[in-house]
Amino acid sequence: AAMLIMAGFFIWKFSDRPPAAQGKTIAVLPLKLQNANSTNQHLVPGITEELIRSLGKLGKLTVINPRSTMRFMASIAPVQQASDALQQSDLFLSGTLEESNDQLKLDLRLYDRQQQELWDKKYQGDIYELPQLAGTIAMDLAEFISINLSEREASRIVDIEPVDPETFRLMLLGKNHLAKFTPQDIAIGINYLRQAVDNSPTNSRAWSNLAEGLCILGHSPAPTPGIWEEARAAATRALQLDSLNAEAWCWLGTTKSYYHWDYDGAVYCYNKANTLNPNLPMSHYHYSWHLWLFDSIDKAVDEHEIAFRLDPLDPFQAARLGHMYLIAGDMDKAYAELKRSLKLQPGFRIGESVLGEYFLEKQEFDSAEWYFTKTRMFSMPQLAKNYLTMGELDKAMQVIKELESNLNPINAVGLAVVYSVIGDTDKFFEYANYQQPHAFHPWLR
């Protein structure tokens, strides 16, 4: 009997057992393009994101998002580097990609934290079938790691409309430019996404991608008039075509939070997005700031921490989580995340600007002034507030005059904040009523 027990133990111990899925985190690493040329480079981030999107619908699995995993695109040992950098990840999906005349060949391998290969499989298909191919891969991985899906969940992952190859190319190019997050790249990205919806006006993904680009543009200092109405229309059209499009629910919620001020409607949209795909960091991010405005700071912090867990190497998420901790009064956590943001991307201006607010809160005015001056075009209202708190009214008024001479929607919000600090109610309402309102306008409350 003892020998049988021992034999059973060794069979169990050393058999090829899939990892239990519950609570697992997976990182999808950029595939290595085997036949890279100038016309197909955009496929790597696009296909990586497609795999992440399909896996993200598996609610029992946490999926690290592209802003974090694309850092390993040029790595010669991506699994090793990712396992070092992403300590929270249990599984790593890696492999190679070959493309020829819109035909795709994928060789995928799944590794554990010790970089032991657990699973491998080859796939191929036309590029227009990529959404279904990604769904099939997600289903195969779900089976391997013992995720039990209902028939409804499985159909939502696999039953996806094919996409025209040219539309797919335009969407990938558009998303790649949006990810670079510069004003010029955002404009180029939106142009590609407009072409995508023109090319395939019945494709829900094309419309939701356009809504994303328009929402990003809506946060710029001087957004084009009507941009938020167009964003809402694009998100709404995406949902008319596919009511299960989680990204479309996220961006519709964003328009309701930041511009149309339909606060109950925004909560409904964010909850829909997070139910359909709980692995969308920007949905949790925007919902977090909505909760801070209209519910509680504790709930907002919890939601923001979810967003950061999904994108732990994104300097933007780290900086904004630090900002949220600062608002909540947790100075130690705030400082740690702001320093993490600048370690991830030295000179990251959002991180430096919020770090200035951290030092202002601590009344370390010289340090605050240094960071606000370094990020001056981004932090002029905070710089004026710093001077006011220091009692240097003349310097504050110089900054205020500079803001007033370069009036735009975001500067109007900043001026309203500064005049509220001064106590000038008339000036506060003058700038609070600036037309058109900026996305930051709700924060004046």
Protein backbone atom coordinates (compact mmCIF):
# COMPACT_ATOMS: atom_id res chain seq x y z
CA ALA A 1 0.00 0.00 0.00
CA ALA A 2 2.83 2.36 0.86
CA MET A 3 4.49 1.67 -2.50
CA LEU A 4 1.25 2.36 -4.35
CA ILE A 5 0.84 5.68 -2.50
CA MET A 6 4.44 6.64 -3.35
CA ALA A 7 3.93 5.71 -7.00
CA GLY A 8 0.75 7.76 -7.15
CA PHE A 9 2.55 10.74 -5.65
CA PHE A 10 5.35 10.64 -8.23
CA ILE A 11 2.90 10.24 -11.12
CA TRP A 12 1.01 13.28 -9.84
CA LYS A 13 4.18 15.27 -9.12
CA PHE A 14 5.90 14.81 -12.46
CA SER A 15 3.02 14.46 -14.89
CA ASP A 16 2.39 17.23 -17.44
CA ARG A 17 -0.31 18.99 -15.44
CA PRO A 18 -1.77 22.30 -16.62
CA PRO A 19 -1.66 25.13 -14.07
CA ALA A 20 -4.87 25.90 -12.22
CA ALA A 21 -6.46 28.98 -13.76
CA GLN A 22 -8.16 30.63 -10.80
CA GLY A 23 -6.24 33.77 -9.84
CA LYS A 24 -3.59 33.31 -12.53
CA THR A 25 -1.99 36.22 -14.40
CA ILE A 26 -0.71 35.87 -17.96
CA ALA A 27 1.55 38.17 -19.99
CA VAL A 28 1.26 37.99 -23.79
CA LEU A 29 4.68 38.95 -25.13
CA PRO A 30 5.24 40.45 -28.60
CA LEU A 31 5.67 37.74 -31.21
CA LYS A 32 8.92 37.62 -33.18
CA LEU A 33 8.24 38.51 -36.82
CA GLN A 34 10.18 35.98 -38.89
CA ASN A 35 10.05 37.83 -42.22
CA ALA A 36 10.06 41.46 -41.14
CA ASN A 37 9.90 44.18 -43.78
CA SER A 38 8.77 47.79 -43.97
CA THR A 39 5.17 46.89 -44.78
CA ASN A 40 4.33 44.36 -42.05
CA GLN A 41 6.01 45.72 -38.89
CA HIS A 42 2.65 46.96 -37.60
CA LEU A 43 1.41 43.37 -37.35
CA VAL A 44 3.35 42.55 -34.18
CA PRO A 45 1.67 45.03 -31.80
CA GLY A 46 -1.66 44.50 -33.56
CA ILE A 47 -1.66 40.72 -33.24
CA THR A 48 -0.33 40.92 -29.68
CA GLU A 49 -3.21 43.22 -28.74
CA GLU A 50 -5.69 40.94 -30.51
CA LEU A 51 -4.53 37.98 -28.43
CA ILE A 52 -4.71 40.07 -25.25
CA ARG A 53 -8.23 41.21 -26.15
CA SER A 54 -9.47 37.64 -26.63
CA LEU A 55 -7.78 36.32 -23.48
CA GLY A 56 -9.10 39.32 -21.54
CA LYS A 57 -12.64 37.99 -21.92
CA LEU A 58 -11.68 35.00 -19.75
CA GLY A 59 -12.88 36.45 -16.47
CA LYS A 60 -10.88 34.04 -14.28
CA LEU A 61 -7.62 35.16 -15.87
CA THR A 62 -5.78 38.45 -15.32
CA VAL A 63 -4.15 39.59 -18.57
CA ILE A 64 -1.27 42.11 -18.63
CA ASN A 65 -1.94 44.75 -21.28
CA PRO A 66 0.15 45.91 -24.25
CA ARG A 67 1.58 49.13 -22.77
CA SER A 68 3.50 46.86 -20.39
CA THR A 69 4.28 43.83 -22.57
CA MET A 70 5.35 45.71 -25.71
CA ARG A 71 8.45 46.80 -23.78
CA PHE A 72 9.93 43.38 -24.57
CA MET A 73 9.51 43.66 -28.35
CA ALA A 74 13.24 44.07 -29.03
CA SER A 75 14.37 41.63 -26.36
CA ILE A 76 16.45 38.62 -27.33
CA ALA A 77 15.19 36.77 -24.22
CA PRO A 78 11.66 38.15 -23.73
CA VAL A 79 10.40 35.43 -21.38
CA GLN A 80 13.37 35.82 -19.06
CA GLN A 81 13.15 39.63 -19.01
CA ALA A 82 9.37 39.60 -18.61
CA SER A 83 9.52 37.14 -15.70
CA ASP A 84 12.00 39.46 -13.98
CA ALA A 85 9.98 42.64 -14.62
CA LEU A 86 6.46 41.24 -14.16
CA GLN A 87 6.67 39.57 -10.78
CA GLN A 88 2.89 39.21 -10.58
CA SER A 89 2.69 37.12 -13.77
CA ASP A 90 2.41 33.35 -13.51
CA LEU A 91 2.30 32.53 -17.23
CA PHE A 92 4.00 33.97 -20.32
CA LEU A 93 2.77 33.47 -23.89
CA SER A 94 5.48 33.91 -26.49
CA GLY A 95 6.25 32.73 -30.00
CA THR A 96 6.87 33.62 -33.62
CA LEU A 97 4.83 35.11 -36.43
CA GLU A 98 5.25 34.71 -40.18
CA GLU A 99 3.23 36.71 -42.71
CA SER A 100 3.07 36.36 -46.49
CA ASN A 101 0.38 37.71 -48.82
CA ASP A 102 -2.07 38.16 -45.93
CA GLN A 103 -1.44 34.59 -44.73
CA LEU A 104 -0.43 34.23 -41.07
CA LYS A 105 1.51 31.44 -39.36
CA LEU A 106 1.82 31.55 -35.57
CA ASP A 107 3.95 29.26 -33.43
CA LEU A 108 2.93 29.87 -29.79
CA ARG A 109 4.47 28.61 -26.55
CA LEU A 110 3.32 29.00 -22.94
CA TYR A 111 5.89 29.25 -20.13
CA ASP A 112 5.73 29.38 -16.35
CA ARG A 113 7.69 31.70 -14.04
CA GLN A 114 10.66 29.31 -14.11
CA GLN A 115 10.65 29.65 -17.93
CA GLN A 116 9.63 26.02 -18.33
CA GLU A 117 7.61 25.36 -21.47
CA LEU A 118 4.12 24.11 -20.59
CA TRP A 119 2.31 24.12 -23.94
CA ASP A 120 2.91 24.78 -27.62
CA LYS A 121 0.74 24.89 -30.69
CA LYS A 122 0.87 26.16 -34.28
CA TYR A 123 -1.88 28.14 -36.00
CA GLN A 124 -2.41 29.57 -39.46
CA GLY A 125 -5.08 31.48 -41.34
CA ASP A 126 -5.93 34.53 -43.45
CA ILE A 127 -5.34 37.90 -41.86
CA TYR A 128 -9.05 38.77 -42.12
CA GLU A 129 -9.71 35.78 -39.85
CA LEU A 130 -7.38 37.04 -37.11
CA PRO A 131 -10.18 37.93 -34.62
CA GLN A 132 -11.56 34.37 -34.86
CA LEU A 133 -8.04 32.91 -34.81
CA ALA A 134 -7.25 34.84 -31.62
CA GLY A 135 -10.52 33.56 -30.15
CA THR A 136 -9.56 29.97 -31.00
CA ILE A 137 -6.18 30.45 -29.32
CA ALA A 138 -7.90 31.84 -26.22
CA MET A 139 -10.23 28.83 -26.15
CA ASP A 140 -7.32 26.38 -26.46
CA LEU A 141 -5.45 28.09 -23.64
CA ALA A 142 -8.60 28.17 -21.51
CA GLU A 143 -8.95 24.42 -21.94
CA PHE A 144 -5.28 23.82 -21.11
CA ILE A 145 -5.34 25.87 -17.90
CA SER A 146 -8.70 24.41 -16.88
CA ILE A 147 -11.01 27.40 -17.32
CA ASN A 148 -14.56 26.13 -17.70
CA LEU A 149 -16.57 28.36 -20.03
CA SER A 150 -20.30 28.43 -20.51
CA GLU A 151 -21.64 28.10 -24.04
CA ARG A 152 -22.48 31.80 -24.01
CA GLU A 153 -18.96 32.79 -22.90
CA ALA A 154 -17.38 30.57 -25.53
CA SER A 155 -19.52 31.99 -28.34
CA ARG A 156 -18.61 35.53 -27.30
CA ILE A 157 -14.92 34.69 -27.66
CA VAL A 158 -15.09 32.79 -30.95
CA ASP A 159 -18.08 34.21 -32.87
CA ILE A 160 -16.39 37.37 -34.11
CA GLU A 161 -16.95 39.08 -37.44
CA PRO A 162 -14.07 38.76 -39.94
CA VAL A 163 -12.32 42.00 -40.80
CA ASP A 164 -11.32 43.25 -44.23
CA PRO A 165 -7.49 43.10 -44.56
CA GLU A 166 -7.21 46.78 -45.54
CA THR A 167 -9.48 47.82 -42.67
CA PHE A 168 -7.40 45.71 -40.30
CA ARG A 169 -4.20 47.35 -41.58
CA LEU A 170 -5.67 50.84 -41.07
CA MET A 171 -6.85 49.96 -37.56
CA LEU A 172 -3.44 48.61 -36.57
CA LEU A 173 -1.64 51.64 -37.96
CA GLY A 174 -4.09 53.94 -36.17
CA LYS A 175 -3.73 52.17 -32.83
CA ASN A 176 0.06 52.08 -33.14
CA HIS A 177 0.15 55.86 -33.55
CA LEU A 178 -2.29 56.44 -30.67
CA ALA A 179 0.01 54.40 -28.40
CA LYS A 180 2.89 56.82 -29.06
CA PHE A 181 0.79 59.48 -27.31
CA THR A 182 2.28 62.59 -28.95
CA PRO A 183 -0.03 65.26 -30.44
CA GLN A 184 1.25 64.56 -33.93
CA ASP A 185 0.89 60.78 -33.61
CA ILE A 186 -2.61 61.07 -32.13
CA ALA A 187 -3.68 63.16 -35.15
CA ILE A 188 -2.12 60.64 -37.56
CA GLY A 189 -3.74 57.74 -35.69
CA ILE A 190 -7.20 59.29 -35.83
CA ASN A 191 -6.76 59.87 -39.56
CA TYR A 192 -6.06 56.16 -40.08
CA LEU A 193 -9.05 55.21 -37.91
CA ARG A 194 -11.35 57.51 -39.89
CA GLN A 195 -10.18 55.72 -43.03
CA ALA A 196 -10.93 52.38 -41.36
CA VAL A 197 -14.58 53.24 -40.67
CA ASP A 198 -14.92 54.67 -44.19
CA ASN A 199 -13.55 51.42 -45.57
CA SER A 200 -15.75 49.17 -43.37
CA PRO A 201 -18.67 51.21 -41.99
CA THR A 202 -20.34 48.11 -40.50
CA ASN A 203 -17.30 47.00 -38.47
CA SER A 204 -17.91 47.61 -34.75
CA ARG A 205 -14.22 47.44 -33.84
CA ALA A 206 -13.34 50.15 -36.35
CA TRP A 207 -15.90 52.48 -34.74
CA SER A 208 -14.79 51.75 -31.15
CA ASN A 209 -11.13 52.33 -32.10
CA LEU A 210 -12.13 55.68 -33.58
CA ALA A 211 -14.05 56.53 -30.39
CA GLU A 212 -10.88 55.78 -28.39
CA GLY A 213 -8.80 58.11 -30.53
CA LEU A 214 -11.37 60.90 -30.29
CA CYS A 215 -11.57 60.55 -26.48
CA ILE A 216 -7.78 60.84 -26.27
CA LEU A 217 -7.91 63.96 -28.45
CA GLY A 218 -10.69 65.33 -26.24
CA HIS A 219 -8.22 65.44 -23.33
CA SER A 220 -5.72 67.61 -25.26
CA PRO A 221 -5.31 71.30 -24.29
CA ALA A 222 -7.45 72.68 -27.12
CA PRO A 223 -9.58 69.88 -28.58
CA THR A 224 -11.38 70.40 -31.87
CA PRO A 225 -14.95 71.69 -31.31
CA GLY A 226 -17.44 68.84 -31.56
CA ILE A 227 -14.85 66.14 -30.83
CA TRP A 228 -16.78 64.71 -27.86
CA GLU A 229 -20.05 64.57 -29.79
CA GLU A 230 -18.22 62.67 -32.52
CA ALA A 231 -16.70 60.32 -29.93
CA ARG A 232 -20.12 59.55 -28.48
CA ALA A 233 -21.54 58.96 -31.96
CA ALA A 234 -18.67 56.59 -32.83
CA ALA A 235 -19.06 54.58 -29.59
CA THR A 236 -22.83 54.44 -30.03
CA ARG A 237 -22.47 53.23 -33.62
CA ALA A 238 -20.04 50.53 -32.46
CA LEU A 239 -22.61 49.28 -29.94
CA GLN A 240 -25.41 49.35 -32.49
CA LEU A 241 -23.27 46.98 -34.57
CA ASP A 242 -22.13 44.83 -31.61
CA SER A 243 -23.63 45.32 -28.16
CA LEU A 244 -20.92 43.05 -26.67
CA ASN A 245 -18.07 45.37 -27.67
CA ALA A 246 -16.50 46.08 -24.26
CA GLU A 247 -14.21 48.84 -25.57
CA ALA A 248 -17.19 50.70 -27.04
CA TRP A 249 -18.94 50.64 -23.64
CA CYS A 250 -15.77 52.04 -22.05
CA TRP A 251 -15.47 54.96 -24.47
CA LEU A 252 -19.19 55.71 -24.33
CA GLY A 253 -18.86 55.88 -20.55
CA THR A 254 -15.92 58.24 -20.95
CA THR A 255 -17.96 60.68 -23.03
CA LYS A 256 -20.69 60.58 -20.37
CA SER A 257 -18.20 61.24 -17.53
CA TYR A 258 -16.09 63.97 -19.04
CA TYR A 259 -18.33 65.87 -21.39
CA HIS A 260 -22.01 64.99 -21.43
CA TRP A 261 -22.20 64.76 -17.60
CA ASP A 262 -24.57 61.79 -17.60
CA TYR A 263 -23.08 60.39 -14.41
CA ASP A 264 -25.48 57.48 -13.82
CA GLY A 265 -25.17 56.54 -17.47
CA ALA A 266 -21.39 56.54 -17.15
CA VAL A 267 -21.51 54.06 -14.25
CA TYR A 268 -23.75 51.77 -16.32
CA CYS A 269 -21.31 51.89 -19.25
CA TYR A 270 -18.21 51.21 -17.17
CA ASN A 271 -19.89 48.27 -15.44
CA LYS A 272 -20.92 46.84 -18.81
CA ALA A 273 -17.36 47.17 -20.11
CA ASN A 274 -15.83 45.59 -17.02
CA THR A 275 -18.30 42.71 -17.10
CA LEU A 276 -17.72 41.94 -20.78
CA ASN A 277 -13.94 42.23 -20.45
CA PRO A 278 -12.60 42.71 -16.91
CA ASN A 279 -9.08 43.17 -18.30
CA LEU A 280 -9.45 46.64 -19.85
CA PRO A 281 -7.17 48.95 -17.84
CA MET A 282 -8.53 52.20 -19.30
CA SER A 283 -12.09 51.26 -18.36
CA HIS A 284 -11.04 50.75 -14.73
CA TYR A 285 -8.91 53.91 -14.93
CA HIS A 286 -11.70 56.22 -16.11
CA TYR A 287 -14.20 54.59 -13.76
CA SER A 288 -11.77 55.26 -10.92
CA TRP A 289 -11.73 59.01 -11.51
CA HIS A 290 -15.51 58.99 -11.92
CA LEU A 291 -15.82 57.29 -8.52
CA TRP A 292 -13.60 59.92 -6.92
CA LEU A 293 -15.90 62.67 -8.21
CA PHE A 294 -19.24 61.13 -7.40
CA ASP A 295 -18.86 58.25 -4.94
CA SER A 296 -15.87 57.72 -2.63
CA ILE A 297 -12.11 58.06 -2.70
CA ASP A 298 -11.72 54.55 -1.23
CA LYS A 299 -13.64 52.98 -4.11
CA ALA A 300 -11.68 55.13 -6.55
CA VAL A 301 -8.35 53.89 -5.16
CA ASP A 302 -9.48 50.26 -5.35
CA GLU A 303 -10.56 50.67 -8.98
CA HIS A 304 -7.33 52.45 -9.92
CA GLU A 305 -5.28 49.66 -8.37
CA ILE A 306 -7.07 47.22 -10.69
CA ALA A 307 -6.08 49.36 -13.69
CA PHE A 308 -2.48 49.40 -12.53
CA ARG A 309 -2.36 45.62 -11.98
CA LEU A 310 -3.38 45.22 -15.60
CA ASP A 311 -0.62 47.56 -16.82
CA PRO A 312 2.11 47.55 -14.16
CA LEU A 313 4.88 48.83 -16.47
CA ASP A 314 2.90 51.76 -17.87
CA PRO A 315 4.36 55.07 -16.55
CA PHE A 316 1.00 56.78 -17.13
CA GLN A 317 -0.87 54.34 -14.87
CA ALA A 318 1.86 54.58 -12.21
CA ALA A 319 1.78 58.40 -12.24
CA ARG A 320 -1.99 58.60 -12.06
CA LEU A 321 -2.17 55.97 -9.31
CA GLY A 322 0.35 58.10 -7.41
CA HIS A 323 -1.95 61.06 -8.00
CA MET A 324 -4.90 59.10 -6.63
CA TYR A 325 -2.91 58.12 -3.51
CA LEU A 326 -1.98 61.78 -3.07
CA ILE A 327 -5.65 62.79 -3.14
CA ALA A 328 -6.41 60.03 -0.64
CA GLY A 329 -3.69 61.36 1.68
CA ASP A 330 -1.41 58.32 1.49
CA MET A 331 1.81 60.23 0.93
CA ASP A 332 4.18 57.25 1.12
CA LYS A 333 2.33 55.26 -1.55
CA ALA A 334 1.97 58.39 -3.67
CA TYR A 335 5.71 59.05 -3.65
CA ALA A 336 6.54 55.40 -4.38
CA GLU A 337 4.29 55.27 -7.46
CA LEU A 338 5.49 58.65 -8.77
CA LYS A 339 9.11 57.52 -8.49
CA ARG A 340 8.16 54.24 -10.18
CA SER A 341 6.61 56.22 -13.04
CA LEU A 342 9.85 58.16 -13.58
CA LYS A 343 11.92 54.98 -13.36
CA LEU A 344 9.75 53.42 -16.06
CA GLN A 345 10.13 56.53 -18.24
CA PRO A 346 12.70 59.11 -17.12
CA GLY A 347 11.44 62.64 -17.71
CA PHE A 348 7.80 61.53 -17.99
CA ARG A 349 6.08 64.89 -17.71
CA ILE A 350 2.85 63.70 -16.05
CA GLY A 351 4.87 61.95 -13.35
CA GLU A 352 7.03 65.03 -12.82
CA SER A 353 4.00 67.34 -12.70
CA VAL A 354 2.23 65.21 -10.08
CA LEU A 355 5.49 64.95 -8.14
CA GLY A 356 5.38 68.76 -8.00
CA GLU A 357 1.89 68.51 -6.48
CA TYR A 358 3.26 66.02 -3.96
CA PHE A 359 5.91 68.50 -2.81
CA LEU A 360 3.34 71.33 -2.77
CA GLU A 361 1.16 69.23 -0.47
CA LYS A 362 4.18 68.69 1.79
CA GLN A 363 4.88 72.45 1.64
CA GLU A 364 8.30 71.83 0.16
CA PHE A 365 7.81 74.80 -2.13
CA ASP A 366 11.25 74.92 -3.75
CA SER A 367 11.02 71.31 -4.89
CA ALA A 368 7.46 71.87 -6.10
CA GLU A 369 8.54 74.96 -8.04
CA TRP A 370 11.40 73.02 -9.63
CA TYR A 371 9.08 70.30 -10.99
CA PHE A 372 6.35 72.75 -12.04
CA THR A 373 8.90 74.91 -13.86
CA LYS A 374 10.38 71.86 -15.58
CA THR A 375 6.90 70.88 -16.84
CA ARG A 376 5.76 74.50 -17.19
CA MET A 377 3.58 74.11 -20.31
CA PHE A 378 1.81 71.27 -18.49
CA SER A 379 1.74 72.71 -14.95
CA MET A 380 1.21 76.46 -15.10
CA PRO A 381 -1.91 76.52 -12.86
CA GLN A 382 -0.07 74.42 -10.26
CA LEU A 383 2.92 76.77 -10.49
CA ALA A 384 0.64 79.76 -9.85
CA LYS A 385 -0.96 77.93 -6.91
CA ASN A 386 2.52 77.18 -5.52
CA TYR A 387 3.44 80.89 -5.66
CA LEU A 388 0.14 81.86 -4.02
CA THR A 389 0.72 79.39 -1.20
CA MET A 390 4.23 80.78 -0.76
CA GLY A 391 2.78 84.32 -0.58
CA GLU A 392 4.57 85.44 -3.76
CA LEU A 393 1.59 87.19 -5.36
CA ASP A 394 3.59 89.02 -8.06
CA LYS A 395 5.04 85.78 -9.44
CA ALA A 396 1.61 84.15 -9.29
CA MET A 397 0.04 87.02 -11.25
CA GLN A 398 2.72 86.73 -13.94
CA VAL A 399 1.78 83.11 -14.47
CA ILE A 400 -1.94 83.97 -14.43
CA LYS A 401 -1.43 86.66 -17.09
CA GLU A 402 0.46 84.17 -19.24
CA LEU A 403 -2.44 81.72 -18.94
CA GLU A 404 -4.96 84.44 -19.80
CA SER A 405 -2.97 85.51 -22.87
CA ASN A 406 -3.05 81.92 -24.16
CA LEU A 407 -6.64 81.05 -23.35
CA ASN A 408 -7.93 77.64 -24.38
CA PRO A 409 -10.28 75.09 -22.76
CA ILE A 410 -7.69 73.48 -20.47
CA ASN A 411 -6.16 76.81 -19.41
CA ALA A 412 -9.65 78.07 -18.58
CA VAL A 413 -10.08 75.18 -16.12
CA GLY A 414 -6.69 75.99 -14.60
CA LEU A 415 -7.57 79.68 -14.26
CA ALA A 416 -10.84 78.81 -12.54
CA VAL A 417 -8.89 76.70 -10.02
CA VAL A 418 -6.35 79.47 -9.40
CA TYR A 419 -9.02 82.13 -8.90
CA SER A 420 -10.83 79.83 -6.47
CA VAL A 421 -7.60 79.76 -4.42
CA ILE A 422 -7.43 83.58 -4.56
CA GLY A 423 -11.10 83.80 -3.59
CA ASP A 424 -12.19 85.79 -6.67
CA THR A 425 -15.64 84.27 -7.25
CA ASP A 426 -16.46 86.39 -10.31
CA LYS A 427 -13.29 85.32 -12.10
CA PHE A 428 -13.85 81.72 -11.07
CA PHE A 429 -17.27 81.64 -12.76
CA GLU A 430 -15.99 83.57 -15.78
CA TYR A 431 -13.51 80.80 -16.55
CA ALA A 432 -15.69 77.95 -15.29
CA ASN A 433 -18.25 78.99 -17.93
CA TYR A 434 -15.68 79.04 -20.74
CA GLN A 435 -17.03 77.59 -23.96
CA GLN A 436 -16.25 74.95 -24.97
CA PRO A 437 -15.88 73.08 -21.63
CA HIS A 438 -12.80 70.89 -21.34
CA ALA A 439 -12.87 67.23 -20.27
CA PHE A 440 -11.40 68.34 -16.93
CA HIS A 441 -14.36 70.67 -16.29
CA PRO A 442 -16.21 68.24 -13.92
CA TRP A 443 -13.26 68.46 -11.50
CA LEU A 444 -14.14 72.09 -10.77
CA ARG A 445 -16.86 70.84 -8.43
